[in-house]
C-alpha atoms as a PDB file:
ATOM      1  CA  UNK A   1     101.450  87.435 -76.608  1.00  0.00           C
ATOM      2  CA  UNK A   2      98.216  86.061 -75.788  1.00  0.00           C
ATOM      3  CA  UNK A   3      97.251  82.903 -73.713  1.00  0.00           C
ATOM      4  CA  UNK A   4      96.067  80.771 -76.656  1.00  0.00           C
ATOM      5  CA  UNK A   5      99.533  81.232 -78.469  1.00  0.00           C
ATOM      6  CA  UNK A   6     101.386  79.975 -75.955  1.00  0.00           C
ATOM      7  CA  UNK A   7     100.309  76.384 -75.761  1.00  0.00           C
ATOM      8  CA  UNK A   8     100.673  76.263 -79.285  1.00  0.00           C
ATOM      9  CA  UNK A   9     104.171  77.519 -79.066  1.00  0.00           C
ATOM     10  CA  UNK A  10     104.786  74.808 -76.298  1.00  0.00           C
ATOM     11  CA  UNK A  11     103.400  71.928 -78.531  1.00  0.00           C
ATOM     12  CA  UNK A  12     105.858  72.897 -80.974  1.00  0.00           C
ATOM     13  CA  UNK A  13     108.762  73.125 -78.886  1.00  0.00           C
ATOM     14  CA  UNK A  14     107.953  69.772 -77.287  1.00  0.00           C
ATOM     15  CA  UNK A  15     107.453  68.404 -80.774  1.00  0.00           C
ATOM     16  CA  UNK A  16     110.689  69.778 -81.899  1.00  0.00           C
ATOM     17  CA  UNK A  17     112.596  68.057 -78.762  1.00  0.00           C
ATOM     18  CA  UNK A  18     110.986  64.638 -79.525  1.00  0.00           C
ATOM     19  CA  UNK A  19     111.839  64.956 -83.106  1.00  0.00           C
ATOM     20  CA  UNK A  20     115.251  65.565 -81.780  1.00  0.00           C
ATOM     21  CA  UNK A  21     115.529  63.065 -79.291  1.00  0.00           C
ATOM     22  CA  UNK A  22     113.674  60.430 -81.945  1.00  0.00           C
ATOM     23  CA  UNK A  23     116.986  61.554 -84.486  1.00  0.00           C
ATOM     24  CA  UNK A  24     119.500  60.555 -81.915  1.00  0.00           C
ATOM     25  CA  UNK A  25     117.887  57.128 -80.750  1.00  0.00           C
ATOM     26  CA  UNK A  26     117.937  56.379 -84.494  1.00  0.00           C
ATOM     27  CA  UNK A  27     121.831  57.525 -84.877  1.00  0.00           C
ATOM     28  CA  UNK A  28     122.546  55.662 -81.912  1.00  0.00           C
ATOM     29  CA  UNK A  29     120.668  52.376 -83.232  1.00  0.00           C
ATOM     30  CA  UNK A  30     122.757  52.624 -86.716  1.00  0.00           C
ATOM     31  CA  UNK A  31     126.041  53.173 -84.962  1.00  0.00           C
ATOM     32  CA  UNK A  32     125.170  50.430 -82.900  1.00  0.00           C
ATOM     33  CA  UNK A  33     124.104  48.176 -85.614  1.00  0.00           C
ATOM     34  CA  UNK A  34     126.670  49.045 -88.152  1.00  0.00           C
ATOM     35  CA  UNK A  35     129.478  46.700 -86.768  1.00  0.00           C
ATOM     36  CA  UNK A  36     126.729  43.865 -86.566  1.00  0.00           C
ATOM     37  CA  UNK A  37     125.633  44.386 -90.166  1.00  0.00           C
ATOM     38  CA  UNK A  38     129.356  44.584 -91.116  1.00  0.00           C
ATOM     39  CA  UNK A  39     130.163  41.475 -89.480  1.00  0.00           C
ATOM     40  CA  UNK A  40     127.155  39.895 -91.457  1.00  0.00           C
ATOM     41  CA  UNK A  41     128.421  40.573 -94.540  1.00  0.00           C
ATOM     42  CA  UNK A  42     131.914  39.444 -94.081  1.00  0.00           C
ATOM     43  CA  UNK A  43     130.708  35.924 -93.277  1.00  0.00           C
ATOM     44  CA  UNK A  44     128.464  36.144 -96.101  1.00  0.00           C
ATOM     45  CA  UNK A  45     131.454  36.867 -98.311  1.00  0.00           C
ATOM     46  CA  UNK A  46     133.403  33.912 -97.045  1.00  0.00           C
ATOM     47  CA  UNK A  47     130.632  31.521 -97.070  1.00  0.00           C
ATOM     48  CA  UNK A  48     130.467  32.505-100.966  1.00  0.00           C
ATOM     49  CA  UNK A  49     133.958  32.453-101.462  1.00  0.00           C
ATOM     50  CA  UNK A  50     134.209  28.946-100.081  1.00  0.00           C
ATOM     51  CA  UNK A  51     135.354  26.178-102.310  1.00  0.00           C
ATOM     52  CA  UNK A  52     132.318  24.036-103.832  1.00  0.00           C
ATOM     53  CA  UNK A  53     134.195  20.826-104.194  1.00  0.00           C
ATOM     54  CA  UNK A  54     131.576  19.014-105.594  1.00  0.00           C
ATOM     55  CA  UNK A  55     129.596  18.782-108.616  1.00  0.00           C
ATOM     56  CA  UNK A  56     127.041  16.434-110.478  1.00  0.00           C
ATOM     57  CA  UNK A  57     127.372  15.573-114.279  1.00  0.00           C
ATOM     58  CA  UNK A  58     124.451  14.224-115.967  1.00  0.00           C
ATOM     59  CA  UNK A  59     124.939  11.580-118.875  1.00  0.00           C
ATOM     60  CA  UNK A  60     121.747  11.274-121.517  1.00  0.00           C
ATOM     61  CA  UNK A  61     120.490   8.625-123.942  1.00  0.00           C
ATOM     62  CA  UNK A  62     122.300  10.752-126.797  1.00  0.00           C
ATOM     63  CA  UNK A  63     125.144  10.160-125.067  1.00  0.00           C
ATOM     64  CA  UNK A  64     126.339  13.744-123.869  1.00  0.00           C
ATOM     65  CA  UNK A  65     127.625  14.674-120.305  1.00  0.00           C
ATOM     66  CA  UNK A  66     125.951  18.106-119.383  1.00  0.00           C
ATOM     67  CA  UNK A  67     129.510  19.296-118.704  1.00  0.00           C
ATOM     68  CA  UNK A  68     132.327  19.850-121.116  1.00  0.00           C
ATOM     69  CA  UNK A  69     134.731  21.145-118.810  1.00  0.00           C
ATOM     70  CA  UNK A  70     135.521  20.714-114.811  1.00  0.00           C
ATOM     71  CA  UNK A  71     137.773  23.199-112.680  1.00  0.00           C
ATOM     72  CA  UNK A  72     138.710  22.059-109.202  1.00  0.00           C
ATOM     73  CA  UNK A  73     138.884  24.944-107.005  1.00  0.00           C
ATOM     74  CA  UNK A  74     142.589  25.132-105.347  1.00  0.00           C
ATOM     75  CA  UNK A  75     140.977  25.085-101.800  1.00  0.00           C
ATOM     76  CA  UNK A  76     139.844  21.400-102.383  1.00  0.00           C
ATOM     77  CA  UNK A  77     141.423  18.365-100.957  1.00  0.00           C
ATOM     78  CA  UNK A  78     139.097  16.160-102.317  1.00  0.00           C
ATOM     79  CA  UNK A  79     136.583  16.993-105.025  1.00  0.00           C
ATOM     80  CA  UNK A  80     133.258  14.571-105.136  1.00  0.00           C
ATOM     81  CA  UNK A  81     131.645  13.916-108.498  1.00  0.00           C
ATOM     82  CA  UNK A  82     128.458  12.575-108.995  1.00  0.00           C
ATOM     83  CA  UNK A  83     127.105  10.969-112.253  1.00  0.00           C
ATOM     84  CA  UNK A  84     123.466  10.768-112.880  1.00  0.00           C
ATOM     85  CA  UNK A  85     121.902   9.240-115.587  1.00  0.00           C
ATOM     86  CA  UNK A  86     119.196  11.526-117.146  1.00  0.00           C
ATOM     87  CA  UNK A  87     117.840   8.926-119.666  1.00  0.00           C
ATOM     88  CA  UNK A  88     115.462   6.127-120.112  1.00  0.00           C
ATOM     89  CA  UNK A  89     117.262   3.281-122.049  1.00  0.00           C
ATOM     90  CA  UNK A  90     118.254   0.133-120.187  1.00  0.00           C
ATOM     91  CA  UNK A  91     121.550   0.049-118.470  1.00  0.00           C
ATOM     92  CA  UNK A  92     122.680  -2.649-120.786  1.00  0.00           C
ATOM     93  CA  UNK A  93     122.311  -0.483-124.000  1.00  0.00           C
ATOM     94  CA  UNK A  94     123.369   3.049-122.519  1.00  0.00           C
ATOM     95  CA  UNK A  95     124.886   2.860-119.301  1.00  0.00           C
ATOM     96  CA  UNK A  96     127.106   5.711-118.105  1.00  0.00           C
ATOM     97  CA  UNK A  97     130.211   5.907-115.842  1.00  0.00           C
ATOM     98  CA  UNK A  98     132.438   8.629-115.246  1.00  0.00           C
ATOM     99  CA  UNK A  99     136.538   8.111-115.462  1.00  0.00           C
ATOM    100  CA  UNK A 100     139.483  10.317-114.726  1.00  0.00           C
ATOM    101  CA  UNK A 101     142.749   9.873-116.324  1.00  0.00           C
ATOM    102  CA  UNK A 102     145.678  11.560-117.961  1.00  0.00           C
ATOM    103  CA  UNK A 103     144.232  12.827-121.107  1.00  0.00           C
ATOM    104  CA  UNK A 104     147.291  11.027-122.729  1.00  0.00           C
ATOM    105  CA  UNK A 105     146.167   7.529-121.211  1.00  0.00           C
ATOM    106  CA  UNK A 106     142.273   7.976-122.060  1.00  0.00           C
ATOM    107  CA  UNK A 107     142.327   5.725-125.630  1.00  0.00           C
ATOM    108  CA  UNK A 108     144.065   2.859-123.861  1.00  0.00           C
ATOM    109  CA  UNK A 109     142.235   3.125-120.632  1.00  0.00           C
ATOM    110  CA  UNK A 110     138.799   2.755-122.768  1.00  0.00           C
ATOM    111  CA  UNK A 111     139.927   0.008-124.420  1.00  0.00           C
ATOM    112  CA  UNK A 112     141.195  -2.114-121.646  1.00  0.00           C
ATOM    113  CA  UNK A 113     137.464  -1.143-119.787  1.00  0.00           C
ATOM    114  CA  UNK A 114     135.770  -2.746-122.906  1.00  0.00           C
ATOM    115  CA  UNK A 115     137.525  -5.784-122.959  1.00  0.00           C
ATOM    116  CA  UNK A 116     136.778  -5.577-118.543  1.00  0.00           C
ATOM    117  CA  UNK A 117     132.885  -5.848-119.605  1.00  0.00           C
ATOM    118  CA  UNK A 118     130.120  -4.182-117.408  1.00  0.00           C
ATOM    119  CA  UNK A 119     130.647  -6.621-114.554  1.00  0.00           C
ATOM    120  CA  UNK A 120     134.224  -4.730-113.717  1.00  0.00           C
ATOM    121  CA  UNK A 121     132.188  -1.013-114.662  1.00  0.00           C
ATOM    122  CA  UNK A 122     134.222  -1.041-118.049  1.00  0.00           C
ATOM    123  CA  UNK A 123     137.485  -0.415-115.821  1.00  0.00           C
ATOM    124  CA  UNK A 124     140.286  -2.944-115.786  1.00  0.00           C
ATOM    125  CA  UNK A 125     140.735  -3.911-112.346  1.00  0.00           C
ATOM    126  CA  UNK A 126     143.679  -2.322-110.681  1.00  0.00           C
ATOM    127  CA  UNK A 127     144.481   0.125-113.722  1.00  0.00           C
ATOM    128  CA  UNK A 128     146.765   2.657-111.983  1.00  0.00           C
ATOM    129  CA  UNK A 129     145.913   5.140-115.094  1.00  0.00           C
ATOM    130  CA  UNK A 130     142.821   5.351-113.797  1.00  0.00           C
ATOM    131  CA  UNK A 131     142.555   8.235-111.160  1.00  0.00           C
ATOM    132  CA  UNK A 132     139.051   7.592-110.004  1.00  0.00           C
ATOM    133  CA  UNK A 133     135.763   6.234-111.457  1.00  0.00           C
ATOM    134  CA  UNK A 134     132.018   5.616-110.779  1.00  0.00           C
ATOM    135  CA  UNK A 135     129.867   2.646-111.301  1.00  0.00           C
ATOM    136  CA  UNK A 136     127.885   2.338-114.575  1.00  0.00           C
ATOM    137  CA  UNK A 137     124.714   3.700-113.533  1.00  0.00           C
ATOM    138  CA  UNK A 138     121.305   3.501-115.856  1.00  0.00           C
ATOM    139  CA  UNK A 139     118.248   5.373-115.969  1.00  0.00           C
ATOM    140  CA  UNK A 140     117.368   7.472-112.726  1.00  0.00           C
ATOM    141  CA  UNK A 141     120.631   5.886-111.160  1.00  0.00           C
ATOM    142  CA  UNK A 142     123.341   7.874-109.935  1.00  0.00           C
ATOM    143  CA  UNK A 143     126.959   7.380-108.043  1.00  0.00           C
ATOM    144  CA  UNK A 144     129.541   9.203-106.323  1.00  0.00           C
ATOM    145  CA  UNK A 145     133.318   9.582-106.510  1.00  0.00           C
ATOM    146  CA  UNK A 146     136.026  11.364-104.670  1.00  0.00           C
ATOM    147  CA  UNK A 147     139.101  12.379-106.560  1.00  0.00           C
ATOM    148  CA  UNK A 148     142.131  12.676-104.162  1.00  0.00           C
ATOM    149  CA  UNK A 149     143.318  16.120-105.661  1.00  0.00           C
ATOM    150  CA  UNK A 150     146.681  15.595-104.195  1.00  0.00           C
ATOM    151  CA  UNK A 151     147.312  12.738-106.972  1.00  0.00           C
ATOM    152  CA  UNK A 152     146.856  15.461-109.574  1.00  0.00           C
ATOM    153  CA  UNK A 153     149.682  17.489-110.813  1.00  0.00           C
ATOM    154  CA  UNK A 154     149.435  21.318-111.777  1.00  0.00           C
ATOM    155  CA  UNK A 155     149.992  21.713-115.536  1.00  0.00           C
ATOM    156  CA  UNK A 156     149.157  18.138-116.499  1.00  0.00           C
ATOM    157  CA  UNK A 157     146.129  17.456-118.710  1.00  0.00           C
ATOM    158  CA  UNK A 158     143.372  15.330-117.623  1.00  0.00           C
ATOM    159  CA  UNK A 159     140.217  14.187-119.140  1.00  0.00           C
ATOM    160  CA  UNK A 160     136.814  12.616-117.944  1.00  0.00           C
ATOM    161  CA  UNK A 161     135.000  10.144-119.901  1.00  0.00           C
ATOM    162  CA  UNK A 162     132.326   7.443-120.158  1.00  0.00           C
ATOM    163  CA  UNK A 163     133.947   4.047-120.518  1.00  0.00           C
ATOM    164  CA  UNK A 164     130.581   2.233-121.778  1.00  0.00           C
ATOM    165  CA  UNK A 165     131.692   0.778-125.186  1.00  0.00           C
ATOM    166  CA  UNK A 166     131.716   3.284-127.915  1.00  0.00           C
ATOM    167  CA  UNK A 167     131.115   6.161-125.880  1.00  0.00           C
ATOM    168  CA  UNK A 168     134.556   7.479-124.888  1.00  0.00           C
ATOM    169  CA  UNK A 169     134.602   9.336-128.236  1.00  0.00           C
ATOM    170  CA  UNK A 170     131.698  11.593-127.518  1.00  0.00           C
ATOM    171  CA  UNK A 171     131.491  11.446-123.804  1.00  0.00           C
ATOM    172  CA  UNK A 172     134.215  13.322-122.455  1.00  0.00           C
ATOM    173  CA  UNK A 173     135.518  16.722-120.816  1.00  0.00           C
ATOM    174  CA  UNK A 174     138.681  18.461-119.455  1.00  0.00           C
ATOM    175  CA  UNK A 175     139.261  18.200-115.859  1.00  0.00           C
ATOM    176  CA  UNK A 176     141.645  20.979-114.506  1.00  0.00           C
ATOM    177  CA  UNK A 177     143.082  22.371-111.216  1.00  0.00           C
ATOM    178  CA  UNK A 178     142.143  25.652-110.494  1.00  0.00           C
ATOM    179  CA  UNK A 179     144.858  28.412-110.039  1.00  0.00           C
END
């Protein structure tokens, strides 16, 4: 073998040795990082599965809620509902609230609410059939109420509705406990 071939061969050996060392460093790095990545993914999954115990419901000038059904995750002890008025008509003509009652009580609660008037948020004072309610809101306004989930019973039928005069017939939806 001549003298010029030897340095080239040594260079190839050195490059091969460096490549082997680099591969091992990468392998060690991946091995050390794997538990961290796994832990990060586990936390992300837990966060994604965490119960969302709040919802926003919008009412508009066409007497419609944007939600027809609300399902409360079983992990929630309290569930917040925000009513937001997305319309433009004044509160006296097209105000909206959010009222929760047993389905069997909705008509009576709505009728008693009309008699109670706007000053009482169209909810009869002290009405024990009302499980939760917001105040009446007008254009651009919102209000929030916390529903005590412990007061609800599995298997019972619940309805949310707007008790503004004439709205309860069309502005309503089902409210369920998750399983």
